[in-house]
């Protein structure tokens, strides 16, 4: 059987934390559930999910549609697009069957790349390799989730670059319906006509616009600032997300508990942490999202952020113990790479 491999390469950088990552998780589940009701897709489609932040990793290998379960998405630090492309290319080499004299291989893979930010690595070498060896043999659709993605690098990878301007639940719902319809149409095309070019569904009425190669790119993702923290009571990790405002300041958007082990696994190792001064941050959580301590933005002497309620507390980062808080002026704190 000739398979139609469908890859979802998903940016899980810390700027995606909160509503955005939840909408993508729900969207992947919706796509799979809808495709299982389509006889063409059920016969041909195999699905894989590759997540990337500072590092890339397959959360699900290529799996037959009826056996596929959409995974929970982790959160990490960084947007290593080059690493994601390298991982994708290795996976295609290892798992997509090529046509030989004896057998017909799989259909051209369809890849949906979702990202909301600017690469934090140097993807040039991987981009060149993609264009030389893989571009003609794959159907890549790159989607900017919001207005913060570097569309310049995306248009160097594929002619199919789209921007989802609004990232509301309603916009995401319509967008993932469009993704589902595009996969259905493509699977029917390969089954009935042997045509393995991607057939994108019309996106009329969806806040989805095509991006051309001449359009300006975002040079740096300054739309969001994410502050990593650990709970002093439970040692669980949480992220505080701030959205950019006029004048270089950031306003508090929300605090979210995450899996700390996954955050470390998907973050770039050996990278010097970026800093932001608290004078540029407006607002803070009312309480720790992990334990309810009334102070969720407390700086330890080690420079990391934790929470505090009352009595003796122990820093979950360095083990330093203290009793009570000292209030001072503004200070620098570590910030995620987006």
Protein backbone atom coordinates (compact mmCIF):
# COMPACT_ATOMS: atom_id res chain seq x y z
CA UNK A 1 0.00 0.00 0.00
CA UNK A 2 1.28 3.45 -0.91
CA UNK A 3 1.00 5.69 2.11
CA UNK A 4 0.35 9.44 2.27
CA UNK A 5 2.64 10.65 5.10
CA UNK A 6 1.33 13.74 6.89
CA UNK A 7 3.73 15.51 9.26
CA UNK A 8 2.77 18.19 11.77
CA UNK A 9 5.90 20.11 12.78
CA UNK A 10 4.80 22.21 15.75
CA UNK A 11 6.58 25.09 17.48
CA UNK A 12 6.29 24.46 21.23
CA UNK A 13 8.45 27.39 22.36
CA UNK A 14 7.51 29.17 25.56
CA UNK A 15 5.77 31.97 23.64
CA UNK A 16 3.15 29.37 22.68
CA UNK A 17 2.23 28.69 26.32
CA UNK A 18 -1.38 29.16 27.35
CA UNK A 19 -4.34 29.38 24.99
CA UNK A 20 -2.28 29.00 21.79
CA UNK A 21 -0.77 25.61 22.65
CA UNK A 22 -4.15 24.36 23.92
CA UNK A 23 -5.82 25.37 20.65
CA UNK A 24 -3.16 23.54 18.63
CA UNK A 25 -3.55 20.41 20.78
CA UNK A 26 -7.32 20.49 20.33
CA UNK A 27 -6.90 21.20 16.63
CA UNK A 28 -4.73 18.12 16.07
CA UNK A 29 -7.31 15.95 17.83
CA UNK A 30 -10.09 17.46 15.73
CA UNK A 31 -8.18 16.82 12.49
CA UNK A 32 -7.59 13.16 13.35
CA UNK A 33 -11.19 12.56 14.44
CA UNK A 34 -12.53 14.16 11.23
CA UNK A 35 -10.11 12.26 8.98
CA UNK A 36 -11.14 8.93 10.49
CA UNK A 37 -14.57 9.45 8.97
CA UNK A 38 -13.14 9.88 5.47
CA UNK A 39 -12.60 6.62 3.53
CA UNK A 40 -9.82 8.04 1.35
CA UNK A 41 -7.86 9.37 4.31
CA UNK A 42 -8.44 6.21 6.33
CA UNK A 43 -6.96 4.15 3.49
CA UNK A 44 -3.83 6.22 2.82
CA UNK A 45 -2.93 8.71 5.59
CA UNK A 46 -0.16 8.09 8.13
CA UNK A 47 0.45 10.85 10.70
CA UNK A 48 3.49 12.04 12.62
CA UNK A 49 3.94 14.93 15.10
CA UNK A 50 7.35 16.57 15.54
CA UNK A 51 7.64 19.20 18.27
CA UNK A 52 10.43 21.75 18.43
CA UNK A 53 11.58 24.48 20.78
CA UNK A 54 15.31 24.71 21.54
CA UNK A 55 15.47 21.07 20.36
CA UNK A 56 13.30 18.89 18.14
CA UNK A 57 11.79 15.48 18.87
CA UNK A 58 9.09 13.23 17.39
CA UNK A 59 6.19 12.92 19.80
CA UNK A 60 4.59 10.36 17.47
CA UNK A 61 6.30 8.46 14.63
CA UNK A 62 4.48 7.91 11.35
CA UNK A 63 1.39 6.00 12.44
CA UNK A 64 -1.59 4.67 10.54
CA UNK A 65 -4.53 7.02 10.96
CA UNK A 66 -6.85 4.66 12.81
CA UNK A 67 -4.11 3.89 15.38
CA UNK A 68 -2.94 7.47 15.85
CA UNK A 69 -3.54 9.32 19.13
CA UNK A 70 -2.82 13.05 19.19
CA UNK A 71 -0.22 13.76 21.90
CA UNK A 72 -0.13 16.38 24.63
CA UNK A 73 2.28 19.10 23.53
CA UNK A 74 5.21 20.06 25.79
CA UNK A 75 6.67 23.54 26.22
CA UNK A 76 10.38 24.38 25.86
CA UNK A 77 12.62 27.40 25.45
CA UNK A 78 13.75 28.65 22.04
CA UNK A 79 12.58 28.33 18.43
CA UNK A 80 15.23 26.18 16.75
CA UNK A 81 13.79 26.00 13.25
CA UNK A 82 17.06 24.66 11.85
CA UNK A 83 16.99 21.75 14.30
CA UNK A 84 13.37 21.06 13.39
CA UNK A 85 14.18 20.91 9.67
CA UNK A 86 17.17 18.64 10.28
CA UNK A 87 15.04 16.28 12.38
CA UNK A 88 12.29 16.27 9.74
CA UNK A 89 14.73 15.48 6.93
CA UNK A 90 16.27 12.59 8.88
CA UNK A 91 12.80 11.22 9.61
CA UNK A 92 11.83 11.40 5.93
CA UNK A 93 15.02 9.55 4.99
CA UNK A 94 14.39 6.81 7.55
CA UNK A 95 10.62 6.36 7.40
CA UNK A 96 9.23 7.44 4.03
CA UNK A 97 9.46 4.65 1.44
CA UNK A 98 11.18 5.77 -1.77
CA UNK A 99 10.24 4.47 -5.21
CA UNK A 100 12.62 1.84 -6.59
CA UNK A 101 12.71 -0.43 -9.62
CA UNK A 102 10.85 -3.08 -7.63
CA UNK A 103 8.22 -1.04 -5.77
CA UNK A 104 6.38 2.23 -5.85
CA UNK A 105 7.15 4.27 -2.79
CA UNK A 106 4.94 6.47 -0.65
CA UNK A 107 3.23 9.56 -1.99
CA UNK A 108 4.90 12.92 -1.47
CA UNK A 109 4.77 13.76 2.25
CA UNK A 110 2.53 16.64 3.28
CA UNK A 111 4.09 18.79 6.02
CA UNK A 112 2.26 21.43 8.04
CA UNK A 113 4.74 23.64 9.91
CA UNK A 114 3.17 25.78 12.65
CA UNK A 115 5.24 28.54 14.30
CA UNK A 116 4.64 31.82 16.10
CA UNK A 117 8.14 33.23 16.35
CA UNK A 118 11.60 33.94 14.98
CA UNK A 119 14.31 31.22 14.76
CA UNK A 120 16.68 31.32 17.71
CA UNK A 121 19.28 29.14 15.99
CA UNK A 122 20.96 29.63 12.60
CA UNK A 123 18.75 27.70 10.17
CA UNK A 124 20.58 28.67 6.97
CA UNK A 125 22.40 25.36 6.47
CA UNK A 126 19.23 23.33 7.06
CA UNK A 127 17.24 25.61 4.73
CA UNK A 128 19.82 25.08 1.97
CA UNK A 129 19.73 21.31 2.46
CA UNK A 130 15.92 21.33 2.38
CA UNK A 131 15.83 23.28 -0.87
CA UNK A 132 18.50 21.13 -2.54
CA UNK A 133 17.29 17.65 -1.57
CA UNK A 134 13.73 17.67 -0.19
CA UNK A 135 11.67 20.59 -1.45
CA UNK A 136 10.62 19.01 -4.76
CA UNK A 137 9.75 15.71 -3.13
CA UNK A 138 7.56 17.16 -0.38
CA UNK A 139 4.53 19.40 -0.01
CA UNK A 140 5.31 21.90 2.76
CA UNK A 141 2.73 24.35 4.12
CA UNK A 142 4.17 26.84 6.62
CA UNK A 143 1.76 28.75 8.84
CA UNK A 144 2.52 31.80 10.97
CA UNK A 145 0.31 31.66 14.08
CA UNK A 146 -0.20 35.36 14.67
CA UNK A 147 2.02 38.13 13.36
CA UNK A 148 5.29 37.31 15.13
CA UNK A 149 6.75 34.63 12.86
CA UNK A 150 9.69 35.25 10.53
CA UNK A 151 7.85 34.89 7.22
CA UNK A 152 11.08 35.63 5.34
CA UNK A 153 12.66 32.34 6.34
CA UNK A 154 9.36 30.51 5.78
CA UNK A 155 9.03 31.78 2.19
CA UNK A 156 12.57 30.54 1.54
CA UNK A 157 11.30 27.01 2.28
CA UNK A 158 8.01 26.87 0.38
CA UNK A 159 5.62 28.81 -1.83
CA UNK A 160 2.78 27.86 0.54
CA UNK A 161 3.18 30.30 3.43
CA UNK A 162 0.07 31.50 5.24
CA UNK A 163 -0.57 33.78 8.20
CA UNK A 164 -3.34 33.19 10.73
CA UNK A 165 -3.82 36.78 11.87
CA UNK A 166 -6.26 36.26 14.73
CA UNK A 167 -5.44 33.56 17.29
CA UNK A 168 -8.85 33.37 18.92
CA UNK A 169 -10.61 30.04 19.60
CA UNK A 170 -12.99 30.78 16.71
CA UNK A 171 -10.12 31.49 14.29
CA UNK A 172 -8.27 28.34 15.30
CA UNK A 173 -11.43 26.26 14.88
CA UNK A 174 -11.95 27.54 11.33
CA UNK A 175 -8.25 27.13 10.55
CA UNK A 176 -8.10 23.48 11.60
CA UNK A 177 -11.24 22.76 9.59
CA UNK A 178 -9.33 24.15 6.60
CA UNK A 179 -6.32 21.91 7.37
CA UNK A 180 -8.64 18.89 7.59
CA UNK A 181 -10.34 19.73 4.30
CA UNK A 182 -6.95 20.15 2.59
CA UNK A 183 -5.77 16.71 3.77
CA UNK A 184 -9.06 15.10 2.70
CA UNK A 185 -8.84 16.64 -0.77
CA UNK A 186 -5.20 15.60 -1.17
CA UNK A 187 -5.85 12.01 -0.04
CA UNK A 188 -8.73 11.70 -2.52
CA UNK A 189 -6.50 13.08 -5.27
CA UNK A 190 -3.75 10.51 -4.72
CA UNK A 191 -6.28 7.68 -4.42
CA UNK A 192 -8.35 8.50 -7.51
CA UNK A 193 -5.89 10.22 -9.83
CA UNK A 194 -2.40 9.40 -8.56
CA UNK A 195 -1.70 13.13 -8.27
CA UNK A 196 0.51 13.78 -5.25
CA UNK A 197 0.59 17.56 -5.40
CA UNK A 198 -1.07 19.11 -2.37
CA UNK A 199 -4.65 20.34 -2.87
CA UNK A 200 -5.24 23.17 -0.45
CA UNK A 201 -8.87 23.91 0.34
CA UNK A 202 -10.23 27.45 -0.26
CA UNK A 203 -9.74 29.71 2.75
CA UNK A 204 -12.45 32.24 2.01
CA UNK A 205 -14.06 33.51 5.20
CA UNK A 206 -11.07 32.47 7.33
CA UNK A 207 -8.60 34.97 8.78
CA UNK A 208 -5.88 33.28 6.76
CA UNK A 209 -3.78 35.14 4.20
CA UNK A 210 -1.08 34.01 1.81
CA UNK A 211 2.34 35.53 2.40
CA UNK A 212 4.57 36.35 -0.54
CA UNK A 213 8.39 36.34 -0.63
CA UNK A 214 8.55 40.13 -0.99
CA UNK A 215 6.82 40.87 2.30
CA UNK A 216 8.84 42.16 5.27
CA UNK A 217 9.91 39.70 7.92
CA UNK A 218 9.96 40.01 11.68
CA UNK A 219 13.61 40.47 12.69
CA UNK A 220 13.13 39.53 16.34
CA UNK A 221 10.24 38.14 18.31
CA UNK A 222 9.54 40.96 20.73
CA UNK A 223 5.81 40.35 20.87
CA UNK A 224 6.06 38.35 24.09
CA UNK A 225 8.23 37.94 27.17
CA UNK A 226 8.05 34.70 29.13
CA UNK A 227 9.49 34.40 32.64
CA UNK A 228 10.27 30.86 33.92
CA UNK A 229 9.62 30.14 37.62
CA UNK A 230 9.43 27.23 40.07
CA UNK A 231 7.02 26.78 42.97
CA UNK A 232 8.77 26.76 46.37
CA UNK A 233 6.13 24.41 47.82
CA UNK A 234 5.66 21.82 45.08
CA UNK A 235 8.84 22.42 43.00
CA UNK A 236 6.63 22.40 39.90
CA UNK A 237 7.47 24.78 37.08
CA UNK A 238 5.31 27.62 35.82
CA UNK A 239 5.67 30.31 33.16
CA UNK A 240 4.50 33.91 33.40
CA UNK A 241 3.60 35.31 29.99
CA UNK A 242 3.73 39.04 29.17
CA UNK A 243 2.51 40.62 25.91
CA UNK A 244 4.26 43.59 24.30
CA UNK A 245 2.70 47.03 24.58
CA UNK A 246 3.60 50.38 23.03
CA UNK A 247 6.78 51.88 24.43
CA UNK A 248 8.73 48.67 24.98
CA UNK A 249 6.73 47.54 28.02
CA UNK A 250 5.00 44.20 28.55
CA UNK A 251 1.69 43.57 30.30
CA UNK A 252 0.89 40.40 32.25
CA UNK A 253 -1.24 37.90 30.30
CA UNK A 254 -1.28 34.78 32.47
CA UNK A 255 0.62 32.20 34.54
CA UNK A 256 0.66 28.57 33.43
CA UNK A 257 1.90 25.37 35.03
CA UNK A 258 4.03 23.22 32.74
CA UNK A 259 5.94 19.94 32.85
CA UNK A 260 9.40 20.97 33.99
CA UNK A 261 11.12 17.83 32.74
CA UNK A 262 9.74 18.36 29.23
CA UNK A 263 10.72 22.04 29.36
CA UNK A 264 14.32 21.09 30.07
CA UNK A 265 14.28 18.38 27.39
CA UNK A 266 13.04 20.72 24.67
CA UNK A 267 15.19 23.72 25.64
CA UNK A 268 18.57 24.62 24.18
CA UNK A 269 21.41 23.45 26.40
CA UNK A 270 24.35 25.72 27.12
CA UNK A 271 22.57 28.89 25.99
CA UNK A 272 23.10 32.00 28.09
CA UNK A 273 19.76 33.19 29.42
CA UNK A 274 18.31 36.44 28.17
CA UNK A 275 17.38 39.10 30.72
CA UNK A 276 14.60 41.65 31.10
CA UNK A 277 14.25 44.32 33.80
CA UNK A 278 11.15 44.31 35.94
CA UNK A 279 10.61 48.01 35.17
CA UNK A 280 9.46 46.86 31.74
CA UNK A 281 6.91 44.39 33.15
CA UNK A 282 3.43 45.45 34.20
CA UNK A 283 1.45 43.21 36.52
CA UNK A 284 2.00 39.79 38.08
CA UNK A 285 -0.06 36.73 39.07
CA UNK A 286 -2.39 37.18 42.03
CA UNK A 287 -1.04 33.90 43.40
CA UNK A 288 1.18 30.97 42.50
CA UNK A 289 -0.63 28.78 39.93
CA UNK A 290 0.86 25.66 41.54
CA UNK A 291 0.23 26.11 45.27
CA UNK A 292 -1.69 29.35 45.75
CA UNK A 293 1.07 31.24 47.59
CA UNK A 294 0.21 34.94 47.48
CA UNK A 295 3.57 36.00 45.98
CA UNK A 296 4.36 34.30 42.67
CA UNK A 297 7.12 36.66 41.44
CA UNK A 298 9.92 36.46 44.02
CA UNK A 299 13.60 36.67 43.04
CA UNK A 300 16.01 34.45 44.96
CA UNK A 301 19.67 35.40 45.47
CA UNK A 302 20.51 32.93 42.68
CA UNK A 303 18.60 35.16 40.25
CA UNK A 304 15.77 32.73 39.54
CA UNK A 305 12.06 33.29 40.21
CA UNK A 306 9.96 31.38 42.73
CA UNK A 307 6.89 31.89 44.94
CA UNK A 308 6.46 32.66 48.66
CA UNK A 309 3.64 32.47 51.17
CA UNK A 310 4.85 32.84 54.75
CA UNK A 311 7.40 31.38 57.16
CA UNK A 312 10.59 29.64 56.04
CA UNK A 313 10.82 28.91 52.32
CA UNK A 314 13.41 27.05 50.27
CA UNK A 315 14.36 28.05 46.74
CA UNK A 316 13.58 25.14 44.38
CA UNK A 317 16.39 26.28 42.06
CA UNK A 318 19.39 26.53 44.44
CA UNK A 319 18.18 25.36 47.88
CA UNK A 320 18.70 28.72 49.64
CA UNK A 321 16.35 29.22 52.61
CA UNK A 322 14.81 32.50 53.77
CA UNK A 323 12.07 33.82 56.04
CA UNK A 324 10.08 36.85 54.88
CA UNK A 325 10.49 39.17 51.90
CA UNK A 326 12.64 42.19 51.27
CA UNK A 327 11.17 44.73 48.89
CA UNK A 328 13.56 46.72 46.71
CA UNK A 329 13.74 48.44 43.34
CA UNK A 330 13.70 47.02 39.84
CA UNK A 331 15.96 44.09 38.94
CA UNK A 332 16.84 41.86 36.00
CA UNK A 333 15.16 38.47 35.62
CA UNK A 334 15.73 35.57 33.24
CA UNK A 335 13.51 35.47 30.21
CA UNK A 336 12.70 32.71 27.74
CA UNK A 337 13.79 32.94 24.10
CA UNK A 338 10.28 32.79 22.67
